[in-house]
PDB file of N, CA and C in Angstrom:
ATOM      1  N   ALA A   1      54.957  84.738  66.519  1.00  0.00           N
ATOM      2  CA  ALA A   1      53.617  84.182  66.374  1.00  0.00           C
ATOM      3  C   ALA A   1      53.222  83.349  67.579  1.00  0.00           C
ATOM      4  N   GLY A   2      54.189  83.062  68.464  1.00  0.00           N
ATOM      5  CA  GLY A   2      53.856  82.222  69.602  1.00  0.00           C
ATOM      6  C   GLY A   2      53.349  80.881  69.120  1.00  0.00           C
ATOM      7  N   PHE A   3      52.257  80.448  69.694  1.00  0.00           N
ATOM      8  CA  PHE A   3      51.655  79.184  69.278  1.00  0.00           C
ATOM      9  C   PHE A   3      50.303  79.431  68.618  1.00  0.00           C
ATOM     10  N   ASP A   4      50.144  80.583  67.991  1.00  0.00           N
ATOM     11  CA  ASP A   4      48.898  80.939  67.324  1.00  0.00           C
ATOM     12  C   ASP A   4      48.855  80.271  65.953  1.00  0.00           C
ATOM     13  N   PRO A   5      48.015  79.240  65.788  1.00  0.00           N
ATOM     14  CA  PRO A   5      48.009  78.512  64.516  1.00  0.00           C
ATOM     15  C   PRO A   5      47.613  79.384  63.329  1.00  0.00           C
ATOM     16  N   GLN A   6      46.753  80.376  63.535  1.00  0.00           N
ATOM     17  CA  GLN A   6      46.370  81.238  62.411  1.00  0.00           C
ATOM     18  C   GLN A   6      47.556  82.062  61.933  1.00  0.00           C
ATOM     19  N   ALA A   7      48.343  82.551  62.868  1.00  0.00           N
ATOM     20  CA  ALA A   7      49.524  83.338  62.491  1.00  0.00           C
ATOM     21  C   ALA A   7      50.556  82.453  61.800  1.00  0.00           C
ATOM     22  N   VAL A   8      50.809  81.273  62.361  1.00  0.00           N
ATOM     23  CA  VAL A   8      51.811  80.368  61.782  1.00  0.00           C
ATOM     24  C   VAL A   8      51.358  79.880  60.408  1.00  0.00           C
ATOM     25  N   ALA A   9      50.078  79.541  60.277  1.00  0.00           N
ATOM     26  CA  ALA A   9      49.554  79.033  59.000  1.00  0.00           C
ATOM     27  C   ALA A   9      49.696  80.055  57.880  1.00  0.00           C
ATOM     28  N   ALA A  10      49.744  81.324  58.231  1.00  0.00           N
ATOM     29  CA  ALA A  10      49.839  82.385  57.223  1.00  0.00           C
ATOM     30  C   ALA A  10      51.280  82.708  56.833  1.00  0.00           C
ATOM     31  N   PHE A  11      52.248  82.064  57.461  1.00  0.00           N
ATOM     32  CA  PHE A  11      53.648  82.340  57.126  1.00  0.00           C
ATOM     33  C   PHE A  11      53.922  82.011  55.665  1.00  0.00           C
ATOM     34  N   GLY A  12      54.719  82.844  55.046  1.00  0.00           N
ATOM     35  CA  GLY A  12      55.111  82.647  53.660  1.00  0.00           C
ATOM     36  C   GLY A  12      56.620  82.576  53.523  1.00  0.00           C
ATOM     37  N   PRO A  13      57.114  82.658  52.293  1.00  0.00           N
ATOM     38  CA  PRO A  13      58.556  82.537  52.032  1.00  0.00           C
ATOM     39  C   PRO A  13      59.417  83.527  52.816  1.00  0.00           C
ATOM     40  N   HIS A  14      58.952  84.772  52.956  1.00  0.00           N
ATOM     41  CA  HIS A  14      59.723  85.766  53.708  1.00  0.00           C
ATOM     42  C   HIS A  14      59.866  85.336  55.172  1.00  0.00           C
ATOM     43  N   ASP A  15      58.779  84.820  55.738  1.00  0.00           N
ATOM     44  CA  ASP A  15      58.815  84.363  57.131  1.00  0.00           C
ATOM     45  C   ASP A  15      59.759  83.180  57.290  1.00  0.00           C
ATOM     46  N   ILE A  16      59.751  82.284  56.317  1.00  0.00           N
ATOM     47  CA  ILE A  16      60.643  81.121  56.378  1.00  0.00           C
ATOM     48  C   ILE A  16      62.090  81.590  56.384  1.00  0.00           C
ATOM     49  N   GLU A  17      62.414  82.528  55.527  1.00  0.00           N
ATOM     50  CA  GLU A  17      63.789  83.052  55.485  1.00  0.00           C
ATOM     51  C   GLU A  17      64.152  83.730  56.802  1.00  0.00           C
ATOM     52  N   ARG A  18      63.225  84.484  57.365  1.00  0.00           N
ATOM     53  CA  ARG A  18      63.459  85.139  58.652  1.00  0.00           C
ATOM     54  C   ARG A  18      63.722  84.099  59.735  1.00  0.00           C
ATOM     55  N   LEU A  19      62.924  83.048  59.750  1.00  0.00           N
ATOM     56  CA  LEU A  19      63.090  81.992  60.750  1.00  0.00           C
ATOM     57  C   LEU A  19      64.391  81.226  60.554  1.00  0.00           C
ATOM     58  N   MET A  20      64.810  81.077  59.320  1.00  0.00           N
ATOM     59  CA  MET A  20      66.078  80.393  59.050  1.00  0.00           C
ATOM     60  C   MET A  20      67.256  81.134  59.691  1.00  0.00           C
ATOM     61  N   GLY A  21      67.104  82.412  59.953  1.00  0.00           N
ATOM     62  CA  GLY A  21      68.155  83.191  60.592  1.00  0.00           C
ATOM     63  C   GLY A  21      68.002  83.319  62.097  1.00  0.00           C
ATOM     64  N   ASN A  22      66.992  82.670  62.665  1.00  0.00           N
ATOM     65  CA  ASN A  22      66.726  82.767  64.102  1.00  0.00           C
ATOM     66  C   ASN A  22      67.507  81.688  64.843  1.00  0.00           C
ATOM     67  N   ALA A  23      68.545  82.088  65.556  1.00  0.00           N
ATOM     68  CA  ALA A  23      69.384  81.128  66.280  1.00  0.00           C
ATOM     69  C   ALA A  23      68.657  80.490  67.459  1.00  0.00           C
ATOM     70  N   GLY A  24      67.491  80.997  67.813  1.00  0.00           N
ATOM     71  CA  GLY A  24      66.748  80.461  68.944  1.00  0.00           C
ATOM     72  C   GLY A  24      65.866  79.267  68.616  1.00  0.00           C
ATOM     73  N   ILE A  25      65.826  78.861  67.356  1.00  0.00           N
ATOM     74  CA  ILE A  25      64.995  77.719  66.957  1.00  0.00           C
ATOM     75  C   ILE A  25      65.824  76.754  66.123  1.00  0.00           C
ATOM     76  N   VAL A  26      65.264  75.580  65.879  1.00  0.00           N
ATOM     77  CA  VAL A  26      65.890  74.631  64.958  1.00  0.00           C
ATOM     78  C   VAL A  26      65.727  75.217  63.561  1.00  0.00           C
ATOM     79  N   ARG A  27      66.830  75.437  62.892  1.00  0.00           N
ATOM     80  CA  ARG A  27      66.786  76.112  61.591  1.00  0.00           C
ATOM     81  C   ARG A  27      66.885  75.106  60.450  1.00  0.00           C
ATOM     82  N   ALA A  28      65.980  74.200  60.433  1.00  0.00           N
ATOM     83  CA  ALA A  28      65.882  73.226  59.345  1.00  0.00           C
ATOM     84  C   ALA A  28      64.660  73.618  58.514  1.00  0.00           C
ATOM     85  N   ARG A  29      64.907  73.981  57.278  1.00  0.00           N
ATOM     86  CA  ARG A  29      63.824  74.460  56.407  1.00  0.00           C
ATOM     87  C   ARG A  29      62.649  73.477  56.381  1.00  0.00           C
ATOM     88  N   ALA A  30      62.940  72.190  56.261  1.00  0.00           N
ATOM     89  CA  ALA A  30      61.860  71.196  56.182  1.00  0.00           C
ATOM     90  C   ALA A  30      61.010  71.203  57.453  1.00  0.00           C
ATOM     91  N   LYS A  31      61.633  71.401  58.604  1.00  0.00           N
ATOM     92  CA  LYS A  31      60.873  71.429  59.860  1.00  0.00           C
ATOM     93  C   LYS A  31      60.062  72.711  59.982  1.00  0.00           C
ATOM     94  N   ILE A  32      60.619  73.816  59.540  1.00  0.00           N
ATOM     95  CA  ILE A  32      59.867  75.075  59.551  1.00  0.00           C
ATOM     96  C   ILE A  32      58.659  74.955  58.628  1.00  0.00           C
ATOM     97  N   GLU A  33      58.872  74.437  57.426  1.00  0.00           N
ATOM     98  CA  GLU A  33      57.763  74.265  56.481  1.00  0.00           C
ATOM     99  C   GLU A  33      56.725  73.286  57.030  1.00  0.00           C
ATOM    100  N   ALA A  34      57.185  72.238  57.715  1.00  0.00           N
ATOM    101  CA  ALA A  34      56.263  71.260  58.300  1.00  0.00           C
ATOM    102  C   ALA A  34      55.433  71.888  59.414  1.00  0.00           C
ATOM    103  N   THR A  35      56.033  72.784  60.170  1.00  0.00           N
ATOM    104  CA  THR A  35      55.303  73.469  61.234  1.00  0.00           C
ATOM    105  C   THR A  35      54.207  74.348  60.646  1.00  0.00           C
ATOM    106  N   ILE A  36      54.528  75.039  59.577  1.00  0.00           N
ATOM    107  CA  ILE A  36      53.534  75.883  58.907  1.00  0.00           C
ATOM    108  C   ILE A  36      52.407  75.016  58.359  1.00  0.00           C
ATOM    109  N   ARG A  37      52.765  73.932  57.693  1.00  0.00           N
ATOM    110  CA  ARG A  37      51.736  73.035  57.144  1.00  0.00           C
ATOM    111  C   ARG A  37      50.919  72.409  58.268  1.00  0.00           C
ATOM    112  N   GLY A  38      51.556  72.066  59.372  1.00  0.00           N
ATOM    113  CA  GLY A  38      50.829  71.507  60.512  1.00  0.00           C
ATOM    114  C   GLY A  38      49.788  72.477  61.048  1.00  0.00           C
ATOM    115  N   ALA A  39      50.136  73.751  61.112  1.00  0.00           N
ATOM    116  CA  ALA A  39      49.171  74.761  61.553  1.00  0.00           C
ATOM    117  C   ALA A  39      48.006  74.850  60.572  1.00  0.00           C
ATOM    118  N   GLN A  40      48.296  74.747  59.286  1.00  0.00           N
ATOM    119  CA  GLN A  40      47.240  74.784  58.273  1.00  0.00           C
ATOM    120  C   GLN A  40      46.316  73.577  58.413  1.00  0.00           C
ATOM    121  N   ILE A  41      46.893  72.406  58.645  1.00  0.00           N
ATOM    122  CA  ILE A  41      46.083  71.193  58.818  1.00  0.00           C
ATOM    123  C   ILE A  41      45.215  71.318  60.063  1.00  0.00           C
ATOM    124  N   PHE A  42      45.798  71.828  61.145  1.00  0.00           N
ATOM    125  CA  PHE A  42      45.053  72.056  62.384  1.00  0.00           C
ATOM    126  C   PHE A  42      43.829  72.932  62.112  1.00  0.00           C
ATOM    127  N   LEU A  43      44.028  74.024  61.383  1.00  0.00           N
ATOM    128  CA  LEU A  43      42.920  74.926  61.066  1.00  0.00           C
ATOM    129  C   LEU A  43      41.899  74.273  60.137  1.00  0.00           C
ATOM    130  N   GLU A  44      42.368  73.446  59.205  1.00  0.00           N
ATOM    131  CA  GLU A  44      41.451  72.715  58.325  1.00  0.00           C
ATOM    132  C   GLU A  44      40.586  71.762  59.141  1.00  0.00           C
ATOM    133  N   MET A  45      41.185  71.123  60.138  1.00  0.00           N
ATOM    134  CA  MET A  45      40.419  70.234  61.012  1.00  0.00           C
ATOM    135  C   MET A  45      39.343  71.030  61.744  1.00  0.00           C
ATOM    136  N   GLN A  46      39.716  72.188  62.280  1.00  0.00           N
ATOM    137  CA  GLN A  46      38.745  73.039  62.969  1.00  0.00           C
ATOM    138  C   GLN A  46      37.614  73.445  62.032  1.00  0.00           C
ATOM    139  N   ALA A  47      37.961  73.798  60.809  1.00  0.00           N
ATOM    140  CA  ALA A  47      36.950  74.233  59.839  1.00  0.00           C
ATOM    141  C   ALA A  47      35.952  73.121  59.532  1.00  0.00           C
ATOM    142  N   ARG A  48      36.403  71.868  59.636  1.00  0.00           N
ATOM    143  CA  ARG A  48      35.514  70.718  59.419  1.00  0.00           C
ATOM    144  C   ARG A  48      34.762  70.344  60.694  1.00  0.00           C
ATOM    145  N   GLY A  49      34.984  71.099  61.764  1.00  0.00           N
ATOM    146  CA  GLY A  49      34.305  70.812  63.024  1.00  0.00           C
ATOM    147  C   GLY A  49      35.027  69.804  63.894  1.00  0.00           C
ATOM    148  N   GLU A  50      36.257  69.470  63.542  1.00  0.00           N
ATOM    149  CA  GLU A  50      37.045  68.531  64.340  1.00  0.00           C
ATOM    150  C   GLU A  50      37.823  69.295  65.401  1.00  0.00           C
ATOM    151  N   ASP A  51      37.668  68.884  66.641  1.00  0.00           N
ATOM    152  CA  ASP A  51      38.430  69.469  67.736  1.00  0.00           C
ATOM    153  C   ASP A  51      39.718  68.671  67.892  1.00  0.00           C
ATOM    154  N   PHE A  52      40.868  69.345  67.850  1.00  0.00           N
ATOM    155  CA  PHE A  52      42.142  68.630  67.888  1.00  0.00           C
ATOM    156  C   PHE A  52      42.313  67.866  69.199  1.00  0.00           C
ATOM    157  N   ALA A  53      41.900  68.450  70.310  1.00  0.00           N
ATOM    158  CA  ALA A  53      42.010  67.746  71.592  1.00  0.00           C
ATOM    159  C   ALA A  53      41.156  66.478  71.574  1.00  0.00           C
ATOM    160  N   ASP A  54      39.942  66.579  71.059  1.00  0.00           N
ATOM    161  CA  ASP A  54      39.083  65.391  70.962  1.00  0.00           C
ATOM    162  C   ASP A  54      39.723  64.337  70.070  1.00  0.00           C
ATOM    163  N   TYR A  55      40.318  64.781  68.963  1.00  0.00           N
ATOM    164  CA  TYR A  55      41.019  63.855  68.070  1.00  0.00           C
ATOM    165  C   TYR A  55      42.112  63.118  68.838  1.00  0.00           C
ATOM    166  N   CYS A  56      42.930  63.862  69.555  1.00  0.00           N
ATOM    167  CA  CYS A  56      44.053  63.263  70.281  1.00  0.00           C
ATOM    168  C   CYS A  56      43.583  62.267  71.329  1.00  0.00           C
ATOM    169  N   TRP A  57      42.597  62.670  72.113  1.00  0.00           N
ATOM    170  CA  TRP A  57      42.109  61.799  73.187  1.00  0.00           C
ATOM    171  C   TRP A  57      41.257  60.643  72.660  1.00  0.00           C
ATOM    172  N   SER A  58      40.798  60.712  71.419  1.00  0.00           N
ATOM    173  CA  SER A  58      39.960  59.635  70.877  1.00  0.00           C
ATOM    174  C   SER A  58      40.701  58.305  70.826  1.00  0.00           C
ATOM    175  N   PHE A  59      42.013  58.364  70.758  1.00  0.00           N
ATOM    176  CA  PHE A  59      42.802  57.135  70.685  1.00  0.00           C
ATOM    177  C   PHE A  59      42.826  56.383  72.017  1.00  0.00           C
ATOM    178  N   THR A  60      42.433  57.057  73.108  1.00  0.00           N
ATOM    179  CA  THR A  60      42.426  56.417  74.434  1.00  0.00           C
ATOM    180  C   THR A  60      41.048  56.501  75.076  1.00  0.00           C
ATOM    181  N   ASN A  61      40.032  56.768  74.277  1.00  0.00           N
ATOM    182  CA  ASN A  61      38.673  56.937  74.788  1.00  0.00           C
ATOM    183  C   ASN A  61      38.609  57.985  75.892  1.00  0.00           C
ATOM    184  N   GLY A  62      39.452  59.003  75.773  1.00  0.00           N
ATOM    185  CA  GLY A  62      39.431  60.106  76.724  1.00  0.00           C
ATOM    186  C   GLY A  62      40.083  59.827  78.060  1.00  0.00           C
ATOM    187  N   GLN A  63      40.735  58.686  78.177  1.00  0.00           N
ATOM    188  CA  GLN A  63      41.334  58.299  79.455  1.00  0.00           C
ATOM    189  C   GLN A  63      42.856  58.308  79.367  1.00  0.00           C
ATOM    190  N   PRO A  64      43.538  58.881  80.378  1.00  0.00           N
ATOM    191  CA  PRO A  64      45.002  58.820  80.373  1.00  0.00           C
ATOM    192  C   PRO A  64      45.471  57.387  80.585  1.00  0.00           C
ATOM    193  N   LEU A  65      46.588  57.067  79.983  1.00  0.00           N
ATOM    194  CA  LEU A  65      47.158  55.726  80.089  1.00  0.00           C
ATOM    195  C   LEU A  65      48.308  55.730  81.083  1.00  0.00           C
ATOM    196  N   GLN A  66      48.474  54.617  81.780  1.00  0.00           N
ATOM    197  CA  GLN A  66      49.602  54.454  82.694  1.00  0.00           C
ATOM    198  C   GLN A  66      50.665  53.649  81.970  1.00  0.00           C
ATOM    199  N   GLY A  67      51.763  54.306  81.652  1.00  0.00           N
ATOM    200  CA  GLY A  67      52.849  53.654  80.931  1.00  0.00           C
ATOM    201  C   GLY A  67      53.827  52.982  81.872  1.00  0.00           C
ATOM    202  N   THR A  68      54.894  52.490  81.287  1.00  0.00           N
ATOM    203  CA  THR A  68      55.912  51.769  82.053  1.00  0.00           C
ATOM    204  C   THR A  68      57.079  52.648  82.451  1.00  0.00           C
ATOM    205  N   GLY A  69      57.214  53.788  81.818  1.00  0.00           N
ATOM    206  CA  GLY A  69      58.336  54.670  82.098  1.00  0.00           C
ATOM    207  C   GLY A  69      59.557  54.376  81.261  1.00  0.00           C
ATOM    208  N   ASN A  70      59.552  53.264  80.542  1.00  0.00           N
ATOM    209  CA  ASN A  70      60.725  52.869  79.770  1.00  0.00           C
ATOM    210  C   ASN A  70      60.563  53.057  78.268  1.00  0.00           C
ATOM    211  N   ALA A  71      59.356  53.165  77.805  1.00  0.00           N
ATOM    212  CA  ALA A  71      59.102  53.190  76.364  1.00  0.00           C
ATOM    213  C   ALA A  71      59.478  54.533  75.746  1.00  0.00           C
ATOM    214  N   THR A  72      60.027  54.474  74.559  1.00  0.00           N
ATOM    215  CA  THR A  72      60.235  55.694  73.775  1.00  0.00           C
ATOM    216  C   THR A  72      59.210  55.772  72.652  1.00  0.00           C
ATOM    217  N   GLN A  73      58.564  54.648  72.378  1.00  0.00           N
ATOM    218  CA  GLN A  73      57.451  54.601  71.439  1.00  0.00           C
ATOM    219  C   GLN A  73      56.631  53.369  71.764  1.00  0.00           C
ATOM    220  N   THR A  74      55.383  53.388  71.343  1.00  0.00           N
ATOM    221  CA  THR A  74      54.469  52.286  71.626  1.00  0.00           C
ATOM    222  C   THR A  74      53.642  51.992  70.377  1.00  0.00           C
ATOM    223  N   GLU A  75      52.866  50.927  70.451  1.00  0.00           N
ATOM    224  CA  GLU A  75      51.950  50.640  69.340  1.00  0.00           C
ATOM    225  C   GLU A  75      50.990  51.808  69.144  1.00  0.00           C
ATOM    226  N   LEU A  76      50.551  52.402  70.258  1.00  0.00           N
ATOM    227  CA  LEU A  76      49.630  53.533  70.161  1.00  0.00           C
ATOM    228  C   LEU A  76      50.298  54.746  69.522  1.00  0.00           C
ATOM    229  N   SER A  77      51.531  55.053  69.914  1.00  0.00           N
ATOM    230  CA  SER A  77      52.196  56.212  69.299  1.00  0.00           C
ATOM    231  C   SER A  77      52.439  55.957  67.813  1.00  0.00           C
ATOM    232  N   ALA A  78      52.677  54.703  67.445  1.00  0.00           N
ATOM    233  CA  ALA A  78      52.841  54.366  66.025  1.00  0.00           C
ATOM    234  C   ALA A  78      51.517  54.547  65.277  1.00  0.00           C
ATOM    235  N   LEU A  79      50.418  54.160  65.910  1.00  0.00           N
ATOM    236  CA  LEU A  79      49.095  54.318  65.298  1.00  0.00           C
ATOM    237  C   LEU A  79      48.757  55.797  65.097  1.00  0.00           C
ATOM    238  N   ILE A  80      48.984  56.599  66.132  1.00  0.00           N
ATOM    239  CA  ILE A  80      48.700  58.033  66.032  1.00  0.00           C
ATOM    240  C   ILE A  80      49.609  58.671  64.986  1.00  0.00           C
ATOM    241  N   SER A  81      50.883  58.294  64.986  1.00  0.00           N
ATOM    242  CA  SER A  81      51.837  58.802  64.003  1.00  0.00           C
ATOM    243  C   SER A  81      51.347  58.519  62.587  1.00  0.00           C
ATOM    244  N   LYS A  82      50.921  57.295  62.361  1.00  0.00           N
ATOM    245  CA  LYS A  82      50.452  56.907  61.030  1.00  0.00           C
ATOM    246  C   LYS A  82      49.234  57.737  60.626  1.00  0.00           C
ATOM    247  N   ASP A  83      48.321  57.945  61.564  1.00  0.00           N
ATOM    248  CA  ASP A  83      47.122  58.710  61.249  1.00  0.00           C
ATOM    249  C   ASP A  83      47.453  60.180  60.996  1.00  0.00           C
ATOM    250  N   MET A  84      48.362  60.734  61.792  1.00  0.00           N
ATOM    251  CA  MET A  84      48.746  62.132  61.585  1.00  0.00           C
ATOM    252  C   MET A  84      49.444  62.309  60.241  1.00  0.00           C
ATOM    253  N   LYS A  85      50.288  61.352  59.876  1.00  0.00           N
ATOM    254  CA  LYS A  85      50.958  61.421  58.570  1.00  0.00           C
ATOM    255  C   LYS A  85      49.935  61.320  57.439  1.00  0.00           C
ATOM    256  N   ARG A  86      48.935  60.469  57.625  1.00  0.00           N
ATOM    257  CA  ARG A  86      47.865  60.341  56.628  1.00  0.00           C
ATOM    258  C   ARG A  86      47.152  61.677  56.436  1.00  0.00           C
ATOM    259  N   ARG A  87      47.030  62.433  57.499  1.00  0.00           N
ATOM    260  CA  ARG A  87      46.383  63.745  57.446  1.00  0.00           C
ATOM    261  C   ARG A  87      47.293  64.819  56.851  1.00  0.00           C
ATOM    262  N   GLY A  88      48.588  64.507  56.714  1.00  0.00           N
ATOM    263  CA  GLY A  88      49.518  65.451  56.105  1.00  0.00           C
ATOM    264  C   GLY A  88      50.550  66.048  57.039  1.00  0.00           C
ATOM    265  N   PHE A  89      50.466  65.725  58.333  1.00  0.00           N
ATOM    266  CA  PHE A  89      51.473  66.227  59.271  1.00  0.00           C
ATOM    267  C   PHE A  89      52.820  65.589  58.949  1.00  0.00           C
ATOM    268  N   LYS A  90      53.894  66.310  59.232  1.00  0.00           N
ATOM    269  CA  LYS A  90      55.262  65.824  59.004  1.00  0.00           C
ATOM    270  C   LYS A  90      56.021  65.843  60.326  1.00  0.00           C
ATOM    271  N   PHE A  91      57.107  65.070  60.383  1.00  0.00           N
ATOM    272  CA  PHE A  91      57.960  64.990  61.571  1.00  0.00           C
ATOM    273  C   PHE A  91      57.149  64.575  62.796  1.00  0.00           C
ATOM    274  N   VAL A  92      56.291  63.604  62.612  1.00  0.00           N
ATOM    275  CA  VAL A  92      55.462  63.079  63.696  1.00  0.00           C
ATOM    276  C   VAL A  92      55.644  61.564  63.772  1.00  0.00           C
ATOM    277  N   GLY A  93      56.895  61.144  63.909  1.00  0.00           N
ATOM    278  CA  GLY A  93      57.178  59.722  64.046  1.00  0.00           C
ATOM    279  C   GLY A  93      56.737  59.212  65.405  1.00  0.00           C
ATOM    280  N   PRO A  94      56.742  57.895  65.603  1.00  0.00           N
ATOM    281  CA  PRO A  94      56.261  57.306  66.851  1.00  0.00           C
ATOM    282  C   PRO A  94      56.982  57.799  68.104  1.00  0.00           C
ATOM    283  N   THR A  95      58.275  58.090  68.010  1.00  0.00           N
ATOM    284  CA  THR A  95      59.007  58.564  69.186  1.00  0.00           C
ATOM    285  C   THR A  95      58.581  59.983  69.550  1.00  0.00           C
ATOM    286  N   ILE A  96      58.476  60.849  68.560  1.00  0.00           N
ATOM    287  CA  ILE A  96      58.012  62.221  68.802  1.00  0.00           C
ATOM    288  C   ILE A  96      56.591  62.202  69.352  1.00  0.00           C
ATOM    289  N   VAL A  97      55.734  61.378  68.765  1.00  0.00           N
ATOM    290  CA  VAL A  97      54.344  61.307  69.220  1.00  0.00           C
ATOM    291  C   VAL A  97      54.288  60.804  70.658  1.00  0.00           C
ATOM    292  N   HIS A  98      55.109  59.815  71.010  1.00  0.00           N
ATOM    293  CA  HIS A  98      55.089  59.313  72.389  1.00  0.00           C
ATOM    294  C   HIS A  98      55.532  60.407  73.366  1.00  0.00           C
ATOM    295  N   ALA A  99      56.582  61.129  73.034  1.00  0.00           N
ATOM    296  CA  ALA A  99      57.042  62.220  73.905  1.00  0.00           C
ATOM    297  C   ALA A  99      55.952  63.283  74.050  1.00  0.00           C
ATOM    298  N   TRP A 100      55.263  63.575  72.965  1.00  0.00           N
ATOM    299  CA  TRP A 100      54.165  64.539  72.998  1.00  0.00           C
ATOM    300  C   TRP A 100      53.023  64.010  73.875  1.00  0.00           C
ATOM    301  N   MET A 101      52.715  62.702  73.767  1.00  0.00           N
ATOM    302  CA  MET A 101      51.664  62.101  74.598  1.00  0.00           C
ATOM    303  C   MET A 101      52.004  62.243  76.080  1.00  0.00           C
ATOM    304  N   GLN A 102      53.281  62.098  76.423  1.00  0.00           N
ATOM    305  CA  GLN A 102      53.716  62.297  77.803  1.00  0.00           C
ATOM    306  C   GLN A 102      53.522  63.761  78.209  1.00  0.00           C
ATOM    307  N   ALA A 103      53.928  64.662  77.336  1.00  0.00           N
ATOM    308  CA  ALA A 103      53.891  66.092  77.659  1.00  0.00           C
ATOM    309  C   ALA A 103      52.476  66.608  77.892  1.00  0.00           C
ATOM    310  N   VAL A 104      51.505  66.078  77.157  1.00  0.00           N
ATOM    311  CA  VAL A 104      50.136  66.581  77.281  1.00  0.00           C
ATOM    312  C   VAL A 104      49.278  65.750  78.229  1.00  0.00           C
ATOM    313  N   GLY A 105      49.850  64.702  78.808  1.00  0.00           N
ATOM    314  CA  GLY A 105      49.134  63.933  79.813  1.00  0.00           C
ATOM    315  C   GLY A 105      48.323  62.767  79.302  1.00  0.00           C
ATOM    316  N   ILE A 106      48.468  62.411  78.043  1.00  0.00           N
ATOM    317  CA  ILE A 106      47.749  61.249  77.520  1.00  0.00           C
ATOM    318  C   ILE A 106      48.344  59.968  78.086  1.00  0.00           C
ATOM    319  N   VAL A 107      49.649  59.972  78.307  1.00  0.00           N
ATOM    320  CA  VAL A 107      50.303  58.818  78.922  1.00  0.00           C
ATOM    321  C   VAL A 107      51.156  59.310  80.091  1.00  0.00           C
ATOM    322  N   ASN A 108      51.075  58.584  81.196  1.00  0.00           N
ATOM    323  CA  ASN A 108      51.861  58.881  82.394  1.00  0.00           C
ATOM    324  C   ASN A 108      52.967  57.845  82.480  1.00  0.00           C
ATOM    325  N   ASP A 109      54.176  58.245  82.168  1.00  0.00           N
ATOM    326  CA  ASP A 109      55.309  57.323  82.205  1.00  0.00           C
ATOM    327  C   ASP A 109      56.189  57.518  83.434  1.00  0.00           C
ATOM    328  N   HIS A 110      55.665  58.199  84.459  1.00  0.00           N
ATOM    329  CA  HIS A 110      56.432  58.300  85.699  1.00  0.00           C
ATOM    330  C   HIS A 110      56.538  56.902  86.309  1.00  0.00           C
ATOM    331  N   ALA A 111      57.716  56.541  86.778  1.00  0.00           N
ATOM    332  CA  ALA A 111      57.929  55.232  87.405  1.00  0.00           C
ATOM    333  C   ALA A 111      57.040  55.104  88.637  1.00  0.00           C
ATOM    334  N   ALA A 112      56.688  53.870  88.978  1.00  0.00           N
ATOM    335  CA  ALA A 112      55.830  53.625  90.139  1.00  0.00           C
ATOM    336  C   ALA A 112      56.426  54.230  91.405  1.00  0.00           C
ATOM    337  N   SER A 113      57.734  54.289  91.500  1.00  0.00           N
ATOM    338  CA  SER A 113      58.395  54.829  92.691  1.00  0.00           C
ATOM    339  C   SER A 113      58.530  56.353  92.670  1.00  0.00           C
ATOM    340  N   CYS A 114      58.163  56.987  91.572  1.00  0.00           N
ATOM    341  CA  CYS A 114      58.314  58.440  91.439  1.00  0.00           C
ATOM    342  C   CYS A 114      57.231  59.168  92.237  1.00  0.00           C
ATOM    343  N   PHE A 115      57.635  60.170  92.997  1.00  0.00           N
ATOM    344  CA  PHE A 115      56.679  60.927  93.807  1.00  0.00           C
ATOM    345  C   PHE A 115      55.631  61.649  92.955  1.00  0.00           C
ATOM    346  N   ARG A 116      55.911  61.897  91.694  1.00  0.00           N
ATOM    347  CA  ARG A 116      54.976  62.604  90.818  1.00  0.00           C
ATOM    348  C   ARG A 116      53.896  61.693  90.234  1.00  0.00           C
ATOM    349  N   ARG A 117      54.149  60.394  90.177  1.00  0.00           N
ATOM    350  CA  ARG A 117      53.189  59.485  89.532  1.00  0.00           C
ATOM    351  C   ARG A 117      51.782  59.620  90.111  1.00  0.00           C
ATOM    352  N   PRO A 118      51.602  59.538  91.448  1.00  0.00           N
ATOM    353  CA  PRO A 118      50.231  59.659  91.974  1.00  0.00           C
ATOM    354  C   PRO A 118      49.606  61.022  91.679  1.00  0.00           C
ATOM    355  N   GLN A 119      50.419  62.072  91.696  1.00  0.00           N
ATOM    356  CA  GLN A 119      49.890  63.406  91.408  1.00  0.00           C
ATOM    357  C   GLN A 119      49.397  63.488  89.971  1.00  0.00           C
ATOM    358  N   VAL A 120      50.131  62.883  89.063  1.00  0.00           N
ATOM    359  CA  VAL A 120      49.752  62.911  87.653  1.00  0.00           C
ATOM    360  C   VAL A 120      48.536  62.022  87.417  1.00  0.00           C
ATOM    361  N   MET A 121      48.392  60.959  88.196  1.00  0.00           N
ATOM    362  CA  MET A 121      47.270  60.031  88.034  1.00  0.00           C
ATOM    363  C   MET A 121      45.969  60.588  88.608  1.00  0.00           C
ATOM    364  N   ALA A 122      46.063  61.568  89.499  1.00  0.00           N
ATOM    365  CA  ALA A 122      44.866  62.101  90.150  1.00  0.00           C
ATOM    366  C   ALA A 122      43.932  62.724  89.119  1.00  0.00           C
ATOM    367  N   PRO A 123      42.620  62.529  89.317  1.00  0.00           N
ATOM    368  CA  PRO A 123      41.655  63.096  88.358  1.00  0.00           C
ATOM    369  C   PRO A 123      41.627  64.609  88.379  1.00  0.00           C
TER     370      PRO A 123
END
């Protein structure tokens, strides 16, 4: 299914069993079920006219944050985690959310001395 939320959201019990036998992924039933539910929530947000990217960036007013490079979680990642859990997402604790924020560019945690920091900060 790749990262196609419509395909993942449609997974049923047979798909879960198939995935449980896939050595290429984390084979934890609760995480597989959470991924399926997360795709469903994502699609529900779209159906209500909510853009997931806009939702994510709304916590920073659309601006990337310059982090310290040392944090594994922040007050902001805790806030986003709490809101995502309220919406029904699972396995979205503050540490996971902070790592995700780094991965998508919401927070730049490259150290000031890192050659990549200015490149990541560029508009």
